[in-house]
Amino acid sequence: MGVRIPSMISGAKQILKLQFLITREKADVPRGHIAVYVGETQRKRFVVPITVLNHPSFECLLKRAEEEFGFDHPMGGLTIPCREDAFVNLTSGLQ
């Protein structure tokens, strides 16, 4: 059984593009950014630049989100199942 990482990542990116189009209309998400929900049990909303989507570390988070939620995210937006402090440390190093 092979791993389909490129297809999983492209599927996640398609969801992010749709999420971006939906959240783009909200005033609190600036152009070029996306809203994501982060947390293992309690979710917190973060707005991050879309440039982080191509970073290998962030792609690992996307893969983990796909494994846990598939393409059905309970919050209605992209949900990333990791600790908030780990997410903040990762994304602050990427910007």
Protein backbone atom coordinates (compact mmCIF):
# COMPACT_ATOMS: atom_id res chain seq x y z
CA MET A 1 0.00 0.00 0.00
CA GLY A 2 1.55 3.27 -1.12
CA VAL A 3 1.16 6.67 0.44
CA ARG A 4 -0.55 9.28 -1.74
CA ILE A 5 1.00 12.35 -0.17
CA PRO A 6 0.89 14.57 -3.29
CA SER A 7 -2.81 13.83 -3.84
CA MET A 8 -3.60 14.36 -0.14
CA ILE A 9 -1.78 17.68 -0.12
CA SER A 10 -3.48 18.84 -3.31
CA GLY A 11 -6.87 17.87 -1.84
CA ALA A 12 -6.11 19.81 1.33
CA LYS A 13 -4.99 22.80 -0.73
CA GLN A 14 -8.27 22.71 -2.65
CA ILE A 15 -10.15 22.87 0.66
CA LEU A 16 -7.96 25.75 1.76
CA LYS A 17 -8.70 27.62 -1.47
CA LEU A 18 -12.42 27.19 -0.91
CA GLN A 19 -12.03 28.20 2.73
CA PHE A 20 -10.06 31.23 1.61
CA LEU A 21 -12.84 32.29 -0.76
CA ILE A 22 -15.42 31.91 2.00
CA THR A 23 -13.41 33.72 4.71
CA ARG A 24 -12.18 36.38 2.30
CA GLU A 25 -15.50 38.13 2.60
CA LYS A 26 -15.08 38.52 6.36
CA ALA A 27 -13.47 41.78 7.44
CA ASP A 28 -11.19 40.14 10.00
CA VAL A 29 -9.35 37.97 7.43
CA PRO A 30 -7.10 40.17 5.30
CA ARG A 31 -6.40 39.37 1.68
CA GLY A 32 -3.62 36.80 1.38
CA HIS A 33 -4.49 35.12 4.68
CA ILE A 34 -6.63 32.20 5.81
CA ALA A 35 -8.46 31.42 9.03
CA VAL A 36 -7.71 28.05 10.69
CA TYR A 37 -8.94 26.47 13.91
CA VAL A 38 -6.21 24.96 16.09
CA GLY A 39 -6.37 22.79 19.17
CA GLU A 40 -6.70 19.22 20.33
CA THR A 41 -9.95 19.63 22.28
CA GLN A 42 -10.84 23.32 22.49
CA ARG A 43 -10.31 25.11 19.16
CA LYS A 44 -8.92 28.61 18.77
CA ARG A 45 -9.12 30.58 15.54
CA PHE A 46 -5.90 31.86 13.95
CA VAL A 47 -5.40 33.91 10.80
CA VAL A 48 -2.21 32.99 8.94
CA PRO A 49 -0.67 34.07 5.62
CA ILE A 50 -1.34 31.67 2.77
CA THR A 51 2.39 31.57 2.05
CA VAL A 52 2.83 29.11 4.94
CA LEU A 53 0.75 26.50 3.08
CA ASN A 54 3.70 25.44 0.94
CA HIS A 55 6.11 24.96 3.83
CA PRO A 56 6.90 21.26 4.52
CA SER A 57 6.20 21.59 8.25
CA PHE A 58 2.79 23.10 7.60
CA GLU A 59 2.06 20.42 5.00
CA CYS A 60 2.65 17.84 7.76
CA LEU A 61 -0.05 19.57 9.81
CA LEU A 62 -2.37 19.48 6.80
CA LYS A 63 -1.73 15.76 6.36
CA ARG A 64 -2.48 15.17 10.03
CA ALA A 65 -5.70 17.17 9.73
CA GLU A 66 -6.74 15.08 6.73
CA GLU A 67 -6.01 11.85 8.59
CA GLU A 68 -8.11 12.94 11.58
CA PHE A 69 -10.99 14.77 9.90
CA GLY A 70 -10.81 13.82 6.22
CA PHE A 71 -12.48 16.63 4.35
CA ASP A 72 -15.27 17.11 6.91
CA HIS A 73 -14.04 19.72 9.37
CA PRO A 74 -16.33 20.11 12.41
CA MET A 75 -15.79 23.86 12.77
CA GLY A 76 -16.75 24.54 9.16
CA GLY A 77 -13.24 25.77 8.41
CA LEU A 78 -9.87 24.10 8.31
CA THR A 79 -9.24 22.46 11.69
CA ILE A 80 -5.67 21.50 12.66
CA PRO A 81 -5.36 18.98 15.52
CA CYS A 82 -2.28 20.14 17.42
CA ARG A 83 -1.49 22.13 20.54
CA GLU A 84 -1.86 25.88 20.18
CA ASP A 85 1.66 26.61 21.44
CA ALA A 86 3.16 24.18 18.91
CA PHE A 87 1.18 25.84 16.10
CA VAL A 88 2.26 29.33 17.18
CA ASN A 89 5.91 28.24 17.39
CA LEU A 90 5.74 26.65 13.94
CA THR A 91 3.99 29.50 12.16
CA SER A 92 6.03 32.25 13.80
CA GLY A 93 9.18 30.59 12.47
CA LEU A 94 7.76 30.44 8.95
CA GLN A 95 6.78 34.08 8.54
